[in-house]
Amino acid sequence: MKASSPAAKRKSIKQSYLLREESEKGELTKAAIKRVFEPGFFPNKVKPVKFSGQFLSEFFNEQQSVEEIEGVVVEALRAYKNK
């Protein structure tokens, strides 16, 4: 039997918690069960990304603050998304 991933295990725990909650409220229906197990019911989390200082030094100088660098990165991502 294939071992489940930690993410799948967390999802299963969340699903069981939600189903139990619905059951305790007396609102557990076939539709509620189907809804909890539908793909996309739990949104995917965005993975954090880290850049090395060496990589960032190609684009930013030492005097720029973390906030300024983050602002530039956010602007670049928005421009990329809207192109």
C-alpha atoms as a PDB file:
ATOM      1  CA  MET A   1       0.000   0.000   0.000  1.00  0.00           C
ATOM      2  CA  LYS A   2       1.305   3.437  -0.956  1.00  0.00           C
ATOM      3  CA  ALA A   3       2.056   5.788   1.950  1.00  0.00           C
ATOM      4  CA  SER A   4       0.041   8.976   1.886  1.00  0.00           C
ATOM      5  CA  SER A   5       1.751  12.340   1.847  1.00  0.00           C
ATOM      6  CA  PRO A   6       1.599  14.664   4.867  1.00  0.00           C
ATOM      7  CA  ALA A   7      -0.517  17.109   2.826  1.00  0.00           C
ATOM      8  CA  ALA A   8      -3.014  14.367   1.977  1.00  0.00           C
ATOM      9  CA  LYS A   9      -3.136  13.355   5.626  1.00  0.00           C
ATOM     10  CA  ARG A  10      -3.869  16.963   6.708  1.00  0.00           C
ATOM     11  CA  LYS A  11      -6.595  17.187   4.095  1.00  0.00           C
ATOM     12  CA  SER A  12      -8.148  13.960   5.380  1.00  0.00           C
ATOM     13  CA  ILE A  13      -8.089  15.272   8.944  1.00  0.00           C
ATOM     14  CA  LYS A  14      -9.754  18.509   7.834  1.00  0.00           C
ATOM     15  CA  GLN A  15     -12.342  16.535   5.889  1.00  0.00           C
ATOM     16  CA  SER A  16     -13.154  14.304   8.839  1.00  0.00           C
ATOM     17  CA  TYR A  17     -13.364  17.319  11.161  1.00  0.00           C
ATOM     18  CA  LEU A  18     -15.808  19.085   8.827  1.00  0.00           C
ATOM     19  CA  LEU A  19     -17.921  15.963   8.385  1.00  0.00           C
ATOM     20  CA  ARG A  20     -18.059  15.405  12.138  1.00  0.00           C
ATOM     21  CA  GLU A  21     -19.060  19.033  12.677  1.00  0.00           C
ATOM     22  CA  GLU A  22     -21.891  18.699  10.149  1.00  0.00           C
ATOM     23  CA  SER A  23     -22.989  15.463  11.775  1.00  0.00           C
ATOM     24  CA  GLU A  24     -23.060  16.970  15.270  1.00  0.00           C
ATOM     25  CA  LYS A  25     -25.211  19.830  13.977  1.00  0.00           C
ATOM     26  CA  GLY A  26     -27.532  17.278  12.382  1.00  0.00           C
ATOM     27  CA  GLU A  27     -26.773  18.695   8.947  1.00  0.00           C
ATOM     28  CA  LEU A  28     -24.755  15.864   7.426  1.00  0.00           C
ATOM     29  CA  THR A  29     -26.238  15.076   4.035  1.00  0.00           C
ATOM     30  CA  LYS A  30     -25.025  13.259   0.940  1.00  0.00           C
ATOM     31  CA  ALA A  31     -24.548  16.657  -0.699  1.00  0.00           C
ATOM     32  CA  ALA A  32     -22.373  17.862   2.212  1.00  0.00           C
ATOM     33  CA  ILE A  33     -20.229  14.722   2.007  1.00  0.00           C
ATOM     34  CA  LYS A  34     -19.777  15.104  -1.765  1.00  0.00           C
ATOM     35  CA  ARG A  35     -18.917  18.793  -1.342  1.00  0.00           C
ATOM     36  CA  VAL A  36     -16.152  18.083   1.199  1.00  0.00           C
ATOM     37  CA  PHE A  37     -14.544  15.478  -1.066  1.00  0.00           C
ATOM     38  CA  GLU A  38     -14.743  17.520  -4.283  1.00  0.00           C
ATOM     39  CA  PRO A  39     -11.383  18.515  -5.754  1.00  0.00           C
ATOM     40  CA  GLY A  40     -10.707  22.156  -5.008  1.00  0.00           C
ATOM     41  CA  PHE A  41     -12.771  22.243  -1.802  1.00  0.00           C
ATOM     42  CA  PHE A  42      -9.571  23.101   0.056  1.00  0.00           C
ATOM     43  CA  PRO A  43      -7.658  25.802  -1.799  1.00  0.00           C
ATOM     44  CA  ASN A  44      -4.033  25.089  -2.573  1.00  0.00           C
ATOM     45  CA  LYS A  45      -1.573  27.007  -0.465  1.00  0.00           C
ATOM     46  CA  VAL A  46       0.964  29.168  -2.189  1.00  0.00           C
ATOM     47  CA  LYS A  47       4.475  27.909  -1.658  1.00  0.00           C
ATOM     48  CA  PRO A  48       6.892  30.361  -0.054  1.00  0.00           C
ATOM     49  CA  VAL A  49       9.828  31.325  -2.229  1.00  0.00           C
ATOM     50  CA  LYS A  50      13.258  32.417  -1.037  1.00  0.00           C
ATOM     51  CA  PHE A  51      15.979  34.050  -3.097  1.00  0.00           C
ATOM     52  CA  SER A  52      19.644  33.908  -2.190  1.00  0.00           C
ATOM     53  CA  GLY A  53      21.462  37.129  -1.449  1.00  0.00           C
ATOM     54  CA  GLN A  54      23.837  36.376  -4.317  1.00  0.00           C
ATOM     55  CA  PHE A  55      20.932  36.118  -6.764  1.00  0.00           C
ATOM     56  CA  LEU A  56      19.315  39.329  -5.475  1.00  0.00           C
ATOM     57  CA  SER A  57      22.603  41.223  -5.658  1.00  0.00           C
ATOM     58  CA  GLU A  58      22.324  41.012  -9.453  1.00  0.00           C
ATOM     59  CA  PHE A  59      19.216  43.216  -9.279  1.00  0.00           C
ATOM     60  CA  PHE A  60      19.492  45.234  -6.046  1.00  0.00           C
ATOM     61  CA  ASN A  61      22.217  47.072  -4.167  1.00  0.00           C
ATOM     62  CA  GLU A  62      23.141  46.740  -0.491  1.00  0.00           C
ATOM     63  CA  GLN A  63      21.543  50.066   0.418  1.00  0.00           C
ATOM     64  CA  GLN A  64      18.037  48.991  -0.604  1.00  0.00           C
ATOM     65  CA  SER A  65      15.782  47.907   2.265  1.00  0.00           C
ATOM     66  CA  VAL A  66      13.909  44.603   2.424  1.00  0.00           C
ATOM     67  CA  GLU A  67      10.641  46.520   2.044  1.00  0.00           C
ATOM     68  CA  GLU A  68      11.906  48.267  -1.101  1.00  0.00           C
ATOM     69  CA  ILE A  69      13.068  44.971  -2.616  1.00  0.00           C
ATOM     70  CA  GLU A  70       9.746  43.295  -1.803  1.00  0.00           C
ATOM     71  CA  GLY A  71       7.909  46.231  -3.389  1.00  0.00           C
ATOM     72  CA  VAL A  72       9.887  45.908  -6.605  1.00  0.00           C
ATOM     73  CA  VAL A  73       9.288  42.159  -6.709  1.00  0.00           C
ATOM     74  CA  VAL A  74       5.543  42.643  -6.154  1.00  0.00           C
ATOM     75  CA  GLU A  75       5.379  45.234  -8.951  1.00  0.00           C
ATOM     76  CA  ALA A  76       7.259  42.888 -11.292  1.00  0.00           C
ATOM     77  CA  LEU A  77       4.924  39.992 -10.467  1.00  0.00           C
ATOM     78  CA  ARG A  78       1.844  42.153 -11.043  1.00  0.00           C
ATOM     79  CA  ALA A  79       3.244  43.330 -14.386  1.00  0.00           C
ATOM     80  CA  TYR A  80       3.946  39.705 -15.332  1.00  0.00           C
ATOM     81  CA  LYS A  81       0.446  38.621 -14.305  1.00  0.00           C
ATOM     82  CA  ASN A  82      -1.209  41.418 -16.304  1.00  0.00           C
ATOM     83  CA  LYS A  83       0.776  40.992 -19.518  1.00  0.00           C
END
